[in-house]
Each structure stands twice: as structure tokens, then as C-alpha cells.
Amino acid sequence: MRKALLVLSSLLFLLGCSKESAVELVSFTDTGCANDVVTKAADSAYPQLILEYSEQGLVITRINAWLNCSIKEGGIVCMVSSDGNVIHYNAYERDGKTLRCTCLVENMTSTVAGLKTGREYVLHYNCADGYCASFTFTYRKGMKLVEDNLDFWKED
């Protein structure tokens, strides 16, 4: 009887615990390849990454990103996943022929839902070939992180 009560109470406890939801990409937009990179520079002459709280989710804005010209035909893909409090975010050229040129994408903006207000997160931004830019932030109302130094580091 005691064993049955223990099993029953354990089941009720597990049913009462809500499983944490994973993050998901709910929107992604980009300005495409600027035709004239000299006269169409964005507000900042340097690349910026902006992380900002919104009611819909974390807004991630990349200003002045240099990508391969292949995006003129294939476009840009954005992928988001999470592992606990670590968010993996990658925006890159869609599969296709790599061209021997780069172009300026003045703005890429996405919204990532599923974050918990008040929780600390680590964003691994555009990890490729073992290199990442990493940012730690607490997701809360009024949060706005502007990063001018996109320092990519080698993952172990």
C-alpha cells in the first residue's frame, strides 16, 4: 500500500510539472543585398547586433551584415534552437552556388518566442566552422542590448 501511494504521488508530481517549451522562430525579414554599398550604408558604419525584449518574443536585429552575393538568388535562411538556457541562432546564405563577391545586408530582423521573462540566457550567434559570437542577457521588460563588437570565438 505504501509503495502504491509513493508511485501515485510521484506520478501526480510529474504530471503537475510543466515541461519547459523550446524557443521558436516566429518571424524573419531582411533587406536583401544593397546595390550600392557606399551610399546605402545603414545608421551605423559598423556591424551591430541588437537584442530587445518585446511582448511577442526576443527581437534580434543585425545591422550591416556582409554575406555572399548568392543571397541575390537564394535568399537568407534563419534557424533557431535551444538547449536549456542556450539559444543557437544562425542566419546564413541559402544553399546554392557560392559567388566570389559579398554584399551588404543592411538589416535582418527576427523574433524568437518561448523565452521566460526574468531568466538569464546565452545567445550563440551565427556559429560556423566552430566560431561563435556569444552574448549573455536577462530577458525582461525594457531589455535592450546593443553590441557593436561582434567578436567571434572558437568553440572547444
Protein backbone atom coordinates (compact mmCIF):
# COMPACT_ATOMS: atom_id res chain seq x y z
CA MET A 1 0.00 0.00 0.00
CA ARG A 2 2.80 2.35 0.92
CA LYS A 3 4.56 1.58 -2.38
CA ALA A 4 1.37 2.29 -4.35
CA LEU A 5 0.96 5.67 -2.62
CA LEU A 6 4.57 6.53 -3.36
CA VAL A 7 4.14 5.67 -7.05
CA LEU A 8 0.85 7.57 -7.24
CA SER A 9 2.28 10.68 -5.56
CA SER A 10 5.30 10.56 -7.90
CA LEU A 11 3.02 10.38 -10.94
CA LEU A 12 0.92 13.30 -9.70
CA PHE A 13 4.09 15.32 -9.12
CA LEU A 14 5.39 14.59 -12.62
CA LEU A 15 2.03 15.45 -14.20
CA GLY A 16 1.97 18.75 -12.30
CA CYS A 17 5.41 19.76 -13.57
CA SER A 18 5.17 21.60 -16.85
CA LYS A 19 7.83 20.80 -19.42
CA GLU A 20 9.78 23.88 -20.47
CA SER A 21 8.96 24.93 -24.00
CA ALA A 22 11.71 25.34 -26.57
CA VAL A 23 12.30 28.60 -28.37
CA GLU A 24 10.96 29.06 -31.88
CA LEU A 25 11.46 31.50 -34.71
CA VAL A 26 8.17 33.34 -35.36
CA SER A 27 9.35 35.92 -37.90
CA PHE A 28 12.36 36.80 -40.04
CA THR A 29 12.83 39.65 -42.51
CA ASP A 30 15.83 41.05 -44.34
CA THR A 31 16.53 43.96 -46.69
CA GLY A 32 18.37 41.80 -49.21
CA CYS A 33 21.54 42.77 -50.96
CA ALA A 34 22.21 46.52 -51.17
CA ASN A 35 23.02 47.54 -54.74
CA ASP A 36 25.25 50.45 -53.80
CA VAL A 37 27.13 49.68 -50.59
CA VAL A 38 28.76 53.12 -50.46
CA THR A 39 25.62 55.27 -50.49
CA LYS A 40 23.20 52.83 -48.84
CA ALA A 41 25.02 52.41 -45.52
CA ALA A 42 22.72 51.91 -42.54
CA ASP A 43 22.70 54.14 -39.44
CA SER A 44 25.94 52.59 -38.22
CA ALA A 45 29.08 52.19 -40.31
CA TYR A 46 29.95 49.05 -38.34
CA PRO A 47 28.03 45.82 -37.87
CA GLN A 48 25.68 45.82 -34.90
CA LEU A 49 23.63 43.19 -33.15
CA ILE A 50 20.64 44.37 -31.12
CA LEU A 51 18.74 42.12 -28.69
CA GLU A 52 15.49 43.58 -27.44
CA TYR A 53 12.54 42.47 -25.30
CA SER A 54 9.07 42.53 -26.84
CA GLU A 55 5.73 41.01 -25.83
CA GLN A 56 5.97 38.70 -28.89
CA GLY A 57 9.47 37.46 -28.00
CA LEU A 58 13.13 38.35 -28.27
CA VAL A 59 13.74 40.67 -31.23
CA ILE A 60 17.17 40.08 -32.79
CA THR A 61 18.32 42.74 -35.27
CA ARG A 62 21.54 42.56 -37.24
CA ILE A 63 22.60 45.79 -38.92
CA ASN A 64 25.20 45.84 -41.69
CA ALA A 65 25.86 42.16 -42.27
CA TRP A 66 28.21 41.14 -45.08
CA LEU A 67 27.03 37.97 -46.85
CA ASN A 68 27.88 36.16 -50.06
CA CYS A 69 26.22 37.60 -53.19
CA SER A 70 24.48 34.26 -53.66
CA ILE A 71 21.65 35.65 -51.49
CA LYS A 72 20.50 37.64 -54.56
CA GLU A 73 19.16 34.34 -55.93
CA GLY A 74 18.82 32.02 -52.94
CA GLY A 75 17.91 34.35 -50.10
CA ILE A 76 18.78 34.04 -46.42
CA VAL A 77 17.83 31.22 -44.04
CA CYS A 78 17.40 31.67 -40.29
CA MET A 79 17.49 28.72 -37.87
CA VAL A 80 16.90 28.85 -34.11
CA SER A 81 17.15 26.11 -31.48
CA SER A 82 17.82 25.90 -27.76
CA ASP A 83 19.48 23.71 -25.20
CA GLY A 84 18.37 24.79 -21.74
CA ASN A 85 19.20 28.49 -21.45
CA VAL A 86 21.50 28.46 -24.51
CA ILE A 87 19.92 29.77 -27.72
CA HIS A 88 21.57 28.80 -31.01
CA TYR A 89 20.84 31.40 -33.71
CA ASN A 90 22.13 31.14 -37.28
CA ALA A 91 21.30 33.36 -40.27
CA TYR A 92 23.15 32.41 -43.43
CA GLU A 93 23.03 32.14 -47.21
CA ARG A 94 20.55 29.56 -48.51
CA ASP A 95 22.22 26.59 -50.20
CA GLY A 96 23.33 27.45 -53.66
CA LYS A 97 26.25 28.45 -55.78
CA THR A 98 28.78 30.47 -53.77
CA LEU A 99 29.88 33.54 -55.68
CA ARG A 100 33.20 35.39 -55.42
CA CYS A 101 31.67 38.55 -54.01
CA THR A 102 29.99 39.89 -50.91
CA CYS A 103 27.12 42.27 -50.43
CA LEU A 104 25.79 44.36 -47.59
CA VAL A 105 22.53 43.35 -45.96
CA GLU A 106 21.52 46.50 -44.13
CA ASN A 107 19.02 44.86 -41.79
CA MET A 108 17.97 41.37 -40.72
CA THR A 109 15.29 41.24 -38.02
CA SER A 110 13.77 38.21 -36.35
CA THR A 111 11.51 37.45 -33.41
CA VAL A 112 12.16 34.40 -31.24
CA ALA A 113 9.33 33.23 -28.96
CA GLY A 114 9.39 30.89 -25.97
CA LEU A 115 11.75 32.78 -23.65
CA LYS A 116 10.82 33.15 -19.97
CA THR A 117 10.79 36.66 -18.52
CA GLY A 118 13.42 37.10 -15.80
CA ARG A 119 15.58 34.19 -16.95
CA GLU A 120 19.23 34.54 -17.99
CA TYR A 121 20.11 33.27 -21.48
CA VAL A 122 23.24 32.82 -23.56
CA LEU A 123 22.87 33.55 -27.27
CA HIS A 124 25.29 31.76 -29.60
CA TYR A 125 25.04 33.87 -32.72
CA ASN A 126 25.96 32.54 -36.18
CA CYS A 127 28.17 29.63 -35.21
CA ALA A 128 30.03 28.42 -38.29
CA ASP A 129 33.13 26.29 -38.64
CA GLY A 130 33.49 26.27 -34.86
CA TYR A 131 33.41 30.07 -34.42
CA CYS A 132 30.66 31.86 -32.48
CA ALA A 133 29.73 35.23 -31.07
CA SER A 134 28.28 34.76 -27.60
CA PHE A 135 26.10 37.12 -25.57
CA THR A 136 24.62 36.71 -22.07
CA PHE A 137 21.46 38.60 -21.16
CA THR A 138 18.48 38.50 -18.80
CA TYR A 139 15.21 38.54 -20.75
CA ARG A 140 12.99 41.20 -19.09
CA LYS A 141 10.83 44.18 -19.97
CA GLY A 142 12.91 47.15 -21.07
CA MET A 143 15.91 44.98 -22.02
CA LYS A 144 17.89 46.29 -24.98
CA LEU A 145 21.43 45.09 -25.63
CA VAL A 146 23.36 46.79 -28.44
CA GLU A 147 26.58 45.01 -29.38
CA ASP A 148 29.00 46.86 -31.66
CA ASN A 149 31.86 44.40 -31.28
CA LEU A 150 30.87 41.12 -32.92
CA ASP A 151 33.82 39.13 -31.63
CA PHE A 152 33.66 35.54 -32.93
CA TRP A 153 35.46 32.96 -30.77
CA LYS A 154 36.49 29.37 -31.42
CA GLU A 155 34.28 26.74 -29.76
CA ASP A 156 36.05 23.97 -27.87
